[in-house]
Amino acid sequence: MQAPRRSFTLQQAVADSAPLARLSSLVRESSERLAAVQQLIPAPLRPAIRPGPIDEQGWCLLVDNSAAAAKLRHLAPLLQAALRNRGWDVAAIRVKIQKRL
């Protein structure tokens, strides 16, 4: 006889798995970082930017096009200083072009 299958939510699965919990935490932190510096980014540019991965090298921002990437690279030192003032030690901000599907 088979044991009954147990159903659980995605949140429960994430909480029960250390790697998934860590990934979820990094995704949340990346979104929080972008929200923290949103006001420093020109309003017309904001829709073209999405939070990206956080790793040992720093934080990555994903942008829709090369013009947005160029402007964001210009703003990176300002964004990095603002994040440090809020308690995040950001070694570097990388910008990658990734078109939305």
PDB file of N, CA and C in Angstrom:
ATOM      1  N   MET A   1       0.836  -1.176   0.000  1.00  0.00           N
ATOM      2  CA  MET A   1       0.000   0.000   0.000  1.00  0.00           C
ATOM      3  C   MET A   1       0.888   1.249   0.000  1.00  0.00           C
ATOM      4  N   GLN A   2       0.520   2.194  -0.833  1.00  0.00           N
ATOM      5  CA  GLN A   2       1.297   3.425  -0.917  1.00  0.00           C
ATOM      6  C   GLN A   2       0.884   4.407   0.181  1.00  0.00           C
ATOM      7  N   ALA A   3       1.876   5.142   0.630  1.00  0.00           N
ATOM      8  CA  ALA A   3       1.581   6.201   1.601  1.00  0.00           C
ATOM      9  C   ALA A   3       0.820   7.307   0.885  1.00  0.00           C
ATOM     10  N   PRO A   4      -0.131   7.939   1.566  1.00  0.00           N
ATOM     11  CA  PRO A   4      -0.872   9.028   0.921  1.00  0.00           C
ATOM     12  C   PRO A   4       0.070  10.180   0.578  1.00  0.00           C
ATOM     13  N   ARG A   5      -0.185  10.791  -0.562  1.00  0.00           N
ATOM     14  CA  ARG A   5       0.624  11.937  -0.961  1.00  0.00           C
ATOM     15  C   ARG A   5       0.264  13.145  -0.132  1.00  0.00           C
ATOM     16  N   ARG A   6       1.295  13.848   0.256  1.00  0.00           N
ATOM     17  CA  ARG A   6       1.099  15.043   1.064  1.00  0.00           C
ATOM     18  C   ARG A   6       1.190  16.254   0.139  1.00  0.00           C
ATOM     19  N   SER A   7       0.258  17.138   0.231  1.00  0.00           N
ATOM     20  CA  SER A   7       0.333  18.362  -0.573  1.00  0.00           C
ATOM     21  C   SER A   7       0.812  19.505   0.314  1.00  0.00           C
ATOM     22  N   PHE A   8       1.509  20.430  -0.309  1.00  0.00           N
ATOM     23  CA  PHE A   8       2.013  21.577   0.429  1.00  0.00           C
ATOM     24  C   PHE A   8       2.157  22.738  -0.535  1.00  0.00           C
ATOM     25  N   THR A   9       2.245  23.923   0.014  1.00  0.00           N
ATOM     26  CA  THR A   9       2.336  25.130  -0.802  1.00  0.00           C
ATOM     27  C   THR A   9       3.774  25.365  -1.244  1.00  0.00           C
ATOM     28  N   LEU A  10       3.922  26.239  -2.209  1.00  0.00           N
ATOM     29  CA  LEU A  10       5.248  26.609  -2.661  1.00  0.00           C
ATOM     30  C   LEU A  10       6.048  27.235  -1.519  1.00  0.00           C
ATOM     31  N   GLN A  11       5.409  28.062  -0.710  1.00  0.00           N
ATOM     32  CA  GLN A  11       6.090  28.688   0.416  1.00  0.00           C
ATOM     33  C   GLN A  11       6.595  27.638   1.408  1.00  0.00           C
ATOM     34  N   GLN A  12       5.815  26.585   1.614  1.00  0.00           N
ATOM     35  CA  GLN A  12       6.256  25.526   2.511  1.00  0.00           C
ATOM     36  C   GLN A  12       7.452  24.777   1.928  1.00  0.00           C
ATOM     37  N   ALA A  13       7.420  24.531   0.628  1.00  0.00           N
ATOM     38  CA  ALA A  13       8.533  23.841  -0.028  1.00  0.00           C
ATOM     39  C   ALA A  13       9.808  24.669   0.076  1.00  0.00           C
ATOM     40  N   VAL A  14       9.685  25.967  -0.134  1.00  0.00           N
ATOM     41  CA  VAL A  14      10.849  26.855  -0.035  1.00  0.00           C
ATOM     42  C   VAL A  14      11.377  26.861   1.388  1.00  0.00           C
ATOM     43  N   ALA A  15      10.492  26.941   2.351  1.00  0.00           N
ATOM     44  CA  ALA A  15      10.906  26.983   3.756  1.00  0.00           C
ATOM     45  C   ALA A  15      11.586  25.682   4.175  1.00  0.00           C
ATOM     46  N   ASP A  16      11.197  24.562   3.573  1.00  0.00           N
ATOM     47  CA  ASP A  16      11.761  23.259   3.932  1.00  0.00           C
ATOM     48  C   ASP A  16      13.084  22.962   3.232  1.00  0.00           C
ATOM     49  N   SER A  17      13.485  23.796   2.295  1.00  0.00           N
ATOM     50  CA  SER A  17      14.718  23.569   1.546  1.00  0.00           C
ATOM     51  C   SER A  17      15.675  24.738   1.765  1.00  0.00           C
ATOM     52  N   ALA A  18      16.826  24.459   2.346  1.00  0.00           N
ATOM     53  CA  ALA A  18      17.792  25.528   2.616  1.00  0.00           C
ATOM     54  C   ALA A  18      18.234  26.250   1.341  1.00  0.00           C
ATOM     55  N   PRO A  19      18.547  25.538   0.250  1.00  0.00           N
ATOM     56  CA  PRO A  19      18.951  26.269  -0.967  1.00  0.00           C
ATOM     57  C   PRO A  19      17.828  27.143  -1.529  1.00  0.00           C
ATOM     58  N   LEU A  20      16.603  26.648  -1.514  1.00  0.00           N
ATOM     59  CA  LEU A  20      15.488  27.451  -2.016  1.00  0.00           C
ATOM     60  C   LEU A  20      15.195  28.631  -1.100  1.00  0.00           C
ATOM     61  N   ALA A  21      15.340  28.440   0.198  1.00  0.00           N
ATOM     62  CA  ALA A  21      15.133  29.537   1.142  1.00  0.00           C
ATOM     63  C   ALA A  21      16.175  30.624   0.925  1.00  0.00           C
ATOM     64  N   ARG A  22      17.416  30.242   0.672  1.00  0.00           N
ATOM     65  CA  ARG A  22      18.493  31.215   0.409  1.00  0.00           C
ATOM     66  C   ARG A  22      18.219  31.965  -0.891  1.00  0.00           C
ATOM     67  N   LEU A  23      17.810  31.247  -1.918  1.00  0.00           N
ATOM     68  CA  LEU A  23      17.481  31.877  -3.200  1.00  0.00           C
ATOM     69  C   LEU A  23      16.321  32.849  -3.046  1.00  0.00           C
ATOM     70  N   SER A  24      15.307  32.453  -2.325  1.00  0.00           N
ATOM     71  CA  SER A  24      14.161  33.326  -2.074  1.00  0.00           C
ATOM     72  C   SER A  24      14.586  34.586  -1.335  1.00  0.00           C
ATOM     73  N   SER A  25      15.471  34.431  -0.376  1.00  0.00           N
ATOM     74  CA  SER A  25      15.975  35.575   0.379  1.00  0.00           C
ATOM     75  C   SER A  25      16.747  36.533  -0.518  1.00  0.00           C
ATOM     76  N   LEU A  26      17.573  36.010  -1.418  1.00  0.00           N
ATOM     77  CA  LEU A  26      18.346  36.853  -2.331  1.00  0.00           C
ATOM     78  C   LEU A  26      17.441  37.578  -3.325  1.00  0.00           C
ATOM     79  N   VAL A  27      16.413  36.910  -3.802  1.00  0.00           N
ATOM     80  CA  VAL A  27      15.459  37.554  -4.720  1.00  0.00           C
ATOM     81  C   VAL A  27      14.756  38.711  -4.013  1.00  0.00           C
ATOM     82  N   ARG A  28      14.343  38.473  -2.787  1.00  0.00           N
ATOM     83  CA  ARG A  28      13.675  39.510  -2.002  1.00  0.00           C
ATOM     84  C   ARG A  28      14.621  40.686  -1.737  1.00  0.00           C
ATOM     85  N   GLU A  29      15.868  40.387  -1.378  1.00  0.00           N
ATOM     86  CA  GLU A  29      16.834  41.448  -1.103  1.00  0.00           C
ATOM     87  C   GLU A  29      17.130  42.266  -2.358  1.00  0.00           C
ATOM     88  N   SER A  30      17.223  41.618  -3.502  1.00  0.00           N
ATOM     89  CA  SER A  30      17.486  42.333  -4.745  1.00  0.00           C
ATOM     90  C   SER A  30      16.352  43.315  -5.047  1.00  0.00           C
ATOM     91  N   SER A  31      15.126  42.881  -4.841  1.00  0.00           N
ATOM     92  CA  SER A  31      13.972  43.766  -5.047  1.00  0.00           C
ATOM     93  C   SER A  31      13.978  44.920  -4.057  1.00  0.00           C
ATOM     94  N   GLU A  32      14.365  44.636  -2.817  1.00  0.00           N
ATOM     95  CA  GLU A  32      14.441  45.686  -1.802  1.00  0.00           C
ATOM     96  C   GLU A  32      15.521  46.715  -2.145  1.00  0.00           C
ATOM     97  N   ARG A  33      16.636  46.251  -2.677  1.00  0.00           N
ATOM     98  CA  ARG A  33      17.709  47.172  -3.075  1.00  0.00           C
ATOM     99  C   ARG A  33      17.223  48.111  -4.184  1.00  0.00           C
ATOM    100  N   LEU A  34      16.555  47.534  -5.178  1.00  0.00           N
ATOM    101  CA  LEU A  34      16.063  48.376  -6.267  1.00  0.00           C
ATOM    102  C   LEU A  34      15.048  49.387  -5.744  1.00  0.00           C
ATOM    103  N   ALA A  35      14.167  48.959  -4.867  1.00  0.00           N
ATOM    104  CA  ALA A  35      13.186  49.885  -4.285  1.00  0.00           C
ATOM    105  C   ALA A  35      13.882  51.002  -3.509  1.00  0.00           C
ATOM    106  N   ALA A  36      14.990  50.682  -2.857  1.00  0.00           N
ATOM    107  CA  ALA A  36      15.713  51.667  -2.047  1.00  0.00           C
ATOM    108  C   ALA A  36      16.361  52.761  -2.890  1.00  0.00           C
ATOM    109  N   VAL A  37      16.716  52.447  -4.133  1.00  0.00           N
ATOM    110  CA  VAL A  37      17.388  53.445  -4.979  1.00  0.00           C
ATOM    111  C   VAL A  37      16.492  53.963  -6.105  1.00  0.00           C
ATOM    112  N   GLN A  38      15.272  53.521  -6.144  1.00  0.00           N
ATOM    113  CA  GLN A  38      14.341  53.878  -7.222  1.00  0.00           C
ATOM    114  C   GLN A  38      14.256  55.385  -7.459  1.00  0.00           C
ATOM    115  N   GLN A  39      14.220  56.164  -6.397  1.00  0.00           N
ATOM    116  CA  GLN A  39      14.066  57.614  -6.532  1.00  0.00           C
ATOM    117  C   GLN A  39      15.295  58.290  -7.144  1.00  0.00           C
ATOM    118  N   LEU A  40      16.429  57.605  -7.159  1.00  0.00           N
ATOM    119  CA  LEU A  40      17.648  58.162  -7.742  1.00  0.00           C
ATOM    120  C   LEU A  40      17.721  57.923  -9.254  1.00  0.00           C
ATOM    121  N   ILE A  41      16.835  57.085  -9.752  1.00  0.00           N
ATOM    122  CA  ILE A  41      16.805  56.741 -11.175  1.00  0.00           C
ATOM    123  C   ILE A  41      15.761  57.611 -11.860  1.00  0.00           C
ATOM    124  N   PRO A  42      16.085  58.225 -12.986  1.00  0.00           N
ATOM    125  CA  PRO A  42      15.097  59.058 -13.680  1.00  0.00           C
ATOM    126  C   PRO A  42      13.813  58.268 -13.975  1.00  0.00           C
ATOM    127  N   ALA A  43      12.677  58.908 -13.750  1.00  0.00           N
ATOM    128  CA  ALA A  43      11.380  58.238 -13.887  1.00  0.00           C
ATOM    129  C   ALA A  43      11.186  57.533 -15.231  1.00  0.00           C
ATOM    130  N   PRO A  44      11.566  58.143 -16.361  1.00  0.00           N
ATOM    131  CA  PRO A  44      11.354  57.441 -17.634  1.00  0.00           C
ATOM    132  C   PRO A  44      12.191  56.167 -17.782  1.00  0.00           C
ATOM    133  N   LEU A  45      13.272  56.063 -17.017  1.00  0.00           N
ATOM    134  CA  LEU A  45      14.156  54.906 -17.091  1.00  0.00           C
ATOM    135  C   LEU A  45      13.696  53.744 -16.202  1.00  0.00           C
ATOM    136  N   ARG A  46      12.943  54.016 -15.182  1.00  0.00           N
ATOM    137  CA  ARG A  46      12.558  53.005 -14.184  1.00  0.00           C
ATOM    138  C   ARG A  46      11.874  51.768 -14.764  1.00  0.00           C
ATOM    139  N   PRO A  47      10.942  51.916 -15.718  1.00  0.00           N
ATOM    140  CA  PRO A  47      10.282  50.699 -16.239  1.00  0.00           C
ATOM    141  C   PRO A  47      11.227  49.757 -16.986  1.00  0.00           C
ATOM    142  N   ALA A  48      12.373  50.235 -17.407  1.00  0.00           N
ATOM    143  CA  ALA A  48      13.324  49.419 -18.166  1.00  0.00           C
ATOM    144  C   ALA A  48      14.282  48.644 -17.270  1.00  0.00           C
ATOM    145  N   ILE A  49      14.162  48.778 -15.950  1.00  0.00           N
ATOM    146  CA  ILE A  49      15.123  48.173 -15.013  1.00  0.00           C
ATOM    147  C   ILE A  49      14.427  47.142 -14.136  1.00  0.00           C
ATOM    148  N   ARG A  50      15.111  45.998 -13.970  1.00  0.00           N
ATOM    149  CA  ARG A  50      14.611  44.949 -13.086  1.00  0.00           C
ATOM    150  C   ARG A  50      15.741  44.496 -12.162  1.00  0.00           C
ATOM    151  N   PRO A  51      15.412  44.067 -10.964  1.00  0.00           N
ATOM    152  CA  PRO A  51      16.463  43.577 -10.064  1.00  0.00           C
ATOM    153  C   PRO A  51      17.022  42.257 -10.585  1.00  0.00           C
ATOM    154  N   GLY A  52      18.320  42.083 -10.444  1.00  0.00           N
ATOM    155  CA  GLY A  52      18.975  40.855 -10.888  1.00  0.00           C
ATOM    156  C   GLY A  52      19.638  40.145  -9.731  1.00  0.00           C
ATOM    157  N   PRO A  53      20.512  39.207 -10.047  1.00  0.00           N
ATOM    158  CA  PRO A  53      21.134  38.393  -8.995  1.00  0.00           C
ATOM    159  C   PRO A  53      22.120  39.150  -8.114  1.00  0.00           C
ATOM    160  N   ILE A  54      22.251  38.639  -6.910  1.00  0.00           N
ATOM    161  CA  ILE A  54      23.250  39.106  -5.952  1.00  0.00           C
ATOM    162  C   ILE A  54      24.235  37.954  -5.762  1.00  0.00           C
ATOM    163  N   ASP A  55      25.527  38.263  -5.867  1.00  0.00           N
ATOM    164  CA  ASP A  55      26.544  37.239  -5.640  1.00  0.00           C
ATOM    165  C   ASP A  55      27.770  37.869  -5.000  1.00  0.00           C
ATOM    166  N   GLU A  56      28.857  37.114  -4.952  1.00  0.00           N
ATOM    167  CA  GLU A  56      30.067  37.591  -4.286  1.00  0.00           C
ATOM    168  C   GLU A  56      30.639  38.836  -4.967  1.00  0.00           C
ATOM    169  N   GLN A  57      30.453  38.965  -6.266  1.00  0.00           N
ATOM    170  CA  GLN A  57      30.994  40.099  -7.005  1.00  0.00           C
ATOM    171  C   GLN A  57      30.165  41.366  -6.852  1.00  0.00           C
ATOM    172  N   GLY A  58      28.937  41.254  -6.422  1.00  0.00           N
ATOM    173  CA  GLY A  58      28.085  42.425  -6.253  1.00  0.00           C
ATOM    174  C   GLY A  58      26.649  42.150  -6.633  1.00  0.00           C
ATOM    175  N   TRP A  59      26.011  43.187  -7.129  1.00  0.00           N
ATOM    176  CA  TRP A  59      24.591  43.144  -7.460  1.00  0.00           C
ATOM    177  C   TRP A  59      24.437  43.450  -8.939  1.00  0.00           C
ATOM    178  N   CYS A  60      23.533  42.762  -9.597  1.00  0.00           N
ATOM    179  CA  CYS A  60      23.320  42.950 -11.021  1.00  0.00           C
ATOM    180  C   CYS A  60      21.937  43.553 -11.247  1.00  0.00           C
ATOM    181  N   LEU A  61      21.885  44.519 -12.146  1.00  0.00           N
ATOM    182  CA  LEU A  61      20.610  45.086 -12.580  1.00  0.00           C
ATOM    183  C   LEU A  61      20.402  44.702 -14.037  1.00  0.00           C
ATOM    184  N   LEU A  62      19.201  44.291 -14.364  1.00  0.00           N
ATOM    185  CA  LEU A  62      18.853  43.890 -15.721  1.00  0.00           C
ATOM    186  C   LEU A  62      18.095  45.030 -16.386  1.00  0.00           C
ATOM    187  N   VAL A  63      18.501  45.372 -17.607  1.00  0.00           N
ATOM    188  CA  VAL A  63      17.864  46.471 -18.325  1.00  0.00           C
ATOM    189  C   VAL A  63      17.423  46.000 -19.701  1.00  0.00           C
ATOM    190  N   ASP A  64      16.482  46.738 -20.286  1.00  0.00           N
ATOM    191  CA  ASP A  64      15.883  46.348 -21.559  1.00  0.00           C
ATOM    192  C   ASP A  64      16.717  46.697 -22.786  1.00  0.00           C
ATOM    193  N   ASN A  65      17.556  47.722 -22.692  1.00  0.00           N
ATOM    194  CA  ASN A  65      18.261  48.169 -23.894  1.00  0.00           C
ATOM    195  C   ASN A  65      19.593  48.834 -23.532  1.00  0.00           C
ATOM    196  N   SER A  66      20.385  49.081 -24.569  1.00  0.00           N
ATOM    197  CA  SER A  66      21.727  49.630 -24.336  1.00  0.00           C
ATOM    198  C   SER A  66      21.701  51.074 -23.843  1.00  0.00           C
ATOM    199  N   ALA A  67      20.704  51.853 -24.249  1.00  0.00           N
ATOM    200  CA  ALA A  67      20.617  53.238 -23.769  1.00  0.00           C
ATOM    201  C   ALA A  67      20.365  53.260 -22.259  1.00  0.00           C
ATOM    202  N   ALA A  68      19.460  52.406 -21.795  1.00  0.00           N
ATOM    203  CA  ALA A  68      19.195  52.316 -20.358  1.00  0.00           C
ATOM    204  C   ALA A  68      20.423  51.814 -19.613  1.00  0.00           C
ATOM    205  N   ALA A  69      21.137  50.874 -20.212  1.00  0.00           N
ATOM    206  CA  ALA A  69      22.345  50.335 -19.584  1.00  0.00           C
ATOM    207  C   ALA A  69      23.404  51.419 -19.423  1.00  0.00           C
ATOM    208  N   ALA A  70      23.583  52.229 -20.456  1.00  0.00           N
ATOM    209  CA  ALA A  70      24.589  53.292 -20.397  1.00  0.00           C
ATOM    210  C   ALA A  70      24.266  54.296 -19.297  1.00  0.00           C
ATOM    211  N   LYS A  71      23.030  54.706 -19.207  1.00  0.00           N
ATOM    212  CA  LYS A  71      22.630  55.673 -18.179  1.00  0.00           C
ATOM    213  C   LYS A  71      22.788  55.061 -16.785  1.00  0.00           C
ATOM    214  N   LEU A  72      22.397  53.812 -16.648  1.00  0.00           N
ATOM    215  CA  LEU A  72      22.488  53.160 -15.345  1.00  0.00           C
ATOM    216  C   LEU A  72      23.950  52.972 -14.921  1.00  0.00           C
ATOM    217  N   ARG A  73      24.821  52.664 -15.856  1.00  0.00           N
ATOM    218  CA  ARG A  73      26.247  52.549 -15.521  1.00  0.00           C
ATOM    219  C   ARG A  73      26.796  53.890 -15.043  1.00  0.00           C
ATOM    220  N   HIS A  74      26.294  54.951 -15.623  1.00  0.00           N
ATOM    221  CA  HIS A  74      26.694  56.295 -15.204  1.00  0.00           C
ATOM    222  C   HIS A  74      26.226  56.580 -13.768  1.00  0.00           C
ATOM    223  N   LEU A  75      25.039  56.073 -13.419  1.00  0.00           N
ATOM    224  CA  LEU A  75      24.471  56.290 -12.083  1.00  0.00           C
ATOM    225  C   LEU A  75      24.981  55.302 -11.031  1.00  0.00           C
ATOM    226  N   ALA A  76      25.666  54.257 -11.438  1.00  0.00           N
ATOM    227  CA  ALA A  76      26.056  53.177 -10.519  1.00  0.00           C
ATOM    228  C   ALA A  76      26.788  53.658  -9.266  1.00  0.00           C
ATOM    229  N   PRO A  77      27.768  54.570  -9.353  1.00  0.00           N
ATOM    230  CA  PRO A  77      28.427  55.015  -8.111  1.00  0.00           C
ATOM    231  C   PRO A  77      27.459  55.685  -7.128  1.00  0.00           C
ATOM    232  N   LEU A  78      26.522  56.452  -7.644  1.00  0.00           N
ATOM    233  CA  LEU A  78      25.520  57.099  -6.792  1.00  0.00           C
ATOM    234  C   LEU A  78      24.617  56.059  -6.136  1.00  0.00           C
ATOM    235  N   LEU A  79      24.193  55.068  -6.909  1.00  0.00           N
ATOM    236  CA  LEU A  79      23.332  54.009  -6.370  1.00  0.00           C
ATOM    237  C   LEU A  79      24.076  53.188  -5.325  1.00  0.00           C
ATOM    238  N   GLN A  80      25.337  52.914  -5.601  1.00  0.00           N
ATOM    239  CA  GLN A  80      26.149  52.135  -4.661  1.00  0.00           C
ATOM    240  C   GLN A  80      26.323  52.881  -3.338  1.00  0.00           C
ATOM    241  N   ALA A  81      26.566  54.175  -3.404  1.00  0.00           N
ATOM    242  CA  ALA A  81      26.713  54.978  -2.183  1.00  0.00           C
ATOM    243  C   ALA A  81      25.399  55.001  -1.396  1.00  0.00           C
ATOM    244  N   ALA A  82      24.280  55.135  -2.094  1.00  0.00           N
ATOM    245  CA  ALA A  82      22.979  55.147  -1.419  1.00  0.00           C
ATOM    246  C   ALA A  82      22.706  53.817  -0.728  1.00  0.00           C
ATOM    247  N   LEU A  83      23.068  52.721  -1.367  1.00  0.00           N
ATOM    248  CA  LEU A  83      22.868  51.405  -0.757  1.00  0.00           C
ATOM    249  C   LEU A  83      23.759  51.230   0.467  1.00  0.00           C
ATOM    250  N   ARG A  84      24.985  51.704   0.386  1.00  0.00           N
ATOM    251  CA  ARG A  84      25.877  51.620   1.551  1.00  0.00           C
ATOM    252  C   ARG A  84      25.328  52.436   2.713  1.00  0.00           C
ATOM    253  N   ASN A  85      24.748  53.602   2.417  1.00  0.00           N
ATOM    254  CA  ASN A  85      24.148  54.424   3.472  1.00  0.00           C
ATOM    255  C   ASN A  85      22.979  53.726   4.137  1.00  0.00           C
ATOM    256  N   ARG A  86      22.362  52.795   3.438  1.00  0.00           N
ATOM    257  CA  ARG A  86      21.226  52.045   3.994  1.00  0.00           C
ATOM    258  C   ARG A  86      21.644  50.710   4.603  1.00  0.00           C
ATOM    259  N   GLY A  87      22.959  50.464   4.648  1.00  0.00           N
ATOM    260  CA  GLY A  87      23.439  49.267   5.337  1.00  0.00           C
ATOM    261  C   GLY A  87      23.802  48.087   4.451  1.00  0.00           C
ATOM    262  N   TRP A  88      23.662  48.207   3.133  1.00  0.00           N
ATOM    263  CA  TRP A  88      24.048  47.126   2.240  1.00  0.00           C
ATOM    264  C   TRP A  88      25.465  47.366   1.762  1.00  0.00           C
ATOM    265  N   ASP A  89      26.324  46.381   1.944  1.00  0.00           N
ATOM    266  CA  ASP A  89      27.699  46.492   1.465  1.00  0.00           C
ATOM    267  C   ASP A  89      27.739  45.933   0.045  1.00  0.00           C
ATOM    268  N   VAL A  90      27.612  46.800  -0.930  1.00  0.00           N
ATOM    269  CA  VAL A  90      27.581  46.408  -2.335  1.00  0.00           C
ATOM    270  C   VAL A  90      28.964  46.621  -2.930  1.00  0.00           C
ATOM    271  N   ALA A  91      29.645  45.534  -3.250  1.00  0.00           N
ATOM    272  CA  ALA A  91      31.004  45.621  -3.793  1.00  0.00           C
ATOM    273  C   ALA A  91      30.995  46.290  -5.170  1.00  0.00           C
ATOM    274  N   ALA A  92      30.001  45.972  -5.978  1.00  0.00           N
ATOM    275  CA  ALA A  92      29.904  46.541  -7.327  1.00  0.00           C
ATOM    276  C   ALA A  92      28.465  46.399  -7.821  1.00  0.00           C
ATOM    277  N   ILE A  93      28.108  47.240  -8.756  1.00  0.00           N
ATOM    278  CA  ILE A  93      26.819  47.121  -9.436  1.00  0.00           C
ATOM    279  C   ILE A  93      27.119  46.826 -10.899  1.00  0.00           C
ATOM    280  N   ARG A  94      26.640  45.678 -11.345  1.00  0.00           N
ATOM    281  CA  ARG A  94      26.794  45.297 -12.738  1.00  0.00           C
ATOM    282  C   ARG A  94      25.477  45.549 -13.464  1.00  0.00           C
ATOM    283  N   VAL A  95      25.576  45.895 -14.734  1.00  0.00           N
ATOM    284  CA  VAL A  95      24.385  46.144 -15.549  1.00  0.00           C
ATOM    285  C   VAL A  95      24.435  45.212 -16.749  1.00  0.00           C
ATOM    286  N   LYS A  96      23.356  44.472 -16.943  1.00  0.00           N
ATOM    287  CA  LYS A  96      23.287  43.549 -18.076  1.00  0.00           C
ATOM    288  C   LYS A  96      22.020  43.825 -18.869  1.00  0.00           C
ATOM    289  N   ILE A  97      22.163  43.773 -20.167  1.00  0.00           N
ATOM    290  CA  ILE A  97      21.006  43.958 -21.046  1.00  0.00           C
ATOM    291  C   ILE A  97      20.322  42.602 -21.201  1.00  0.00           C
ATOM    292  N   GLN A  98      19.036  42.585 -20.891  1.00  0.00           N
ATOM    293  CA  GLN A  98      18.239  41.380 -21.021  1.00  0.00           C
ATOM    294  C   GLN A  98      16.837  41.807 -21.438  1.00  0.00           C
ATOM    295  N   LYS A  99      16.524  41.594 -22.679  1.00  0.00           N
ATOM    296  CA  LYS A  99      15.206  41.994 -23.180  1.00  0.00           C
ATOM    297  C   LYS A  99      14.131  41.132 -22.542  1.00  0.00           C
ATOM    298  N   ARG A 100      13.015  41.746 -22.298  1.00  0.00           N
ATOM    299  CA  ARG A 100      11.872  41.017 -21.739  1.00  0.00           C
ATOM    300  C   ARG A 100      11.280  40.120 -22.812  1.00  0.00           C
ATOM    301  N   LEU A 101      10.754  39.013 -22.379  1.00  0.00           N
ATOM    302  CA  LEU A 101      10.091  38.103 -23.322  1.00  0.00           C
ATOM    303  C   LEU A 101       8.696  38.582 -23.649  1.00  0.00           C
TER     304      LEU A 101
END
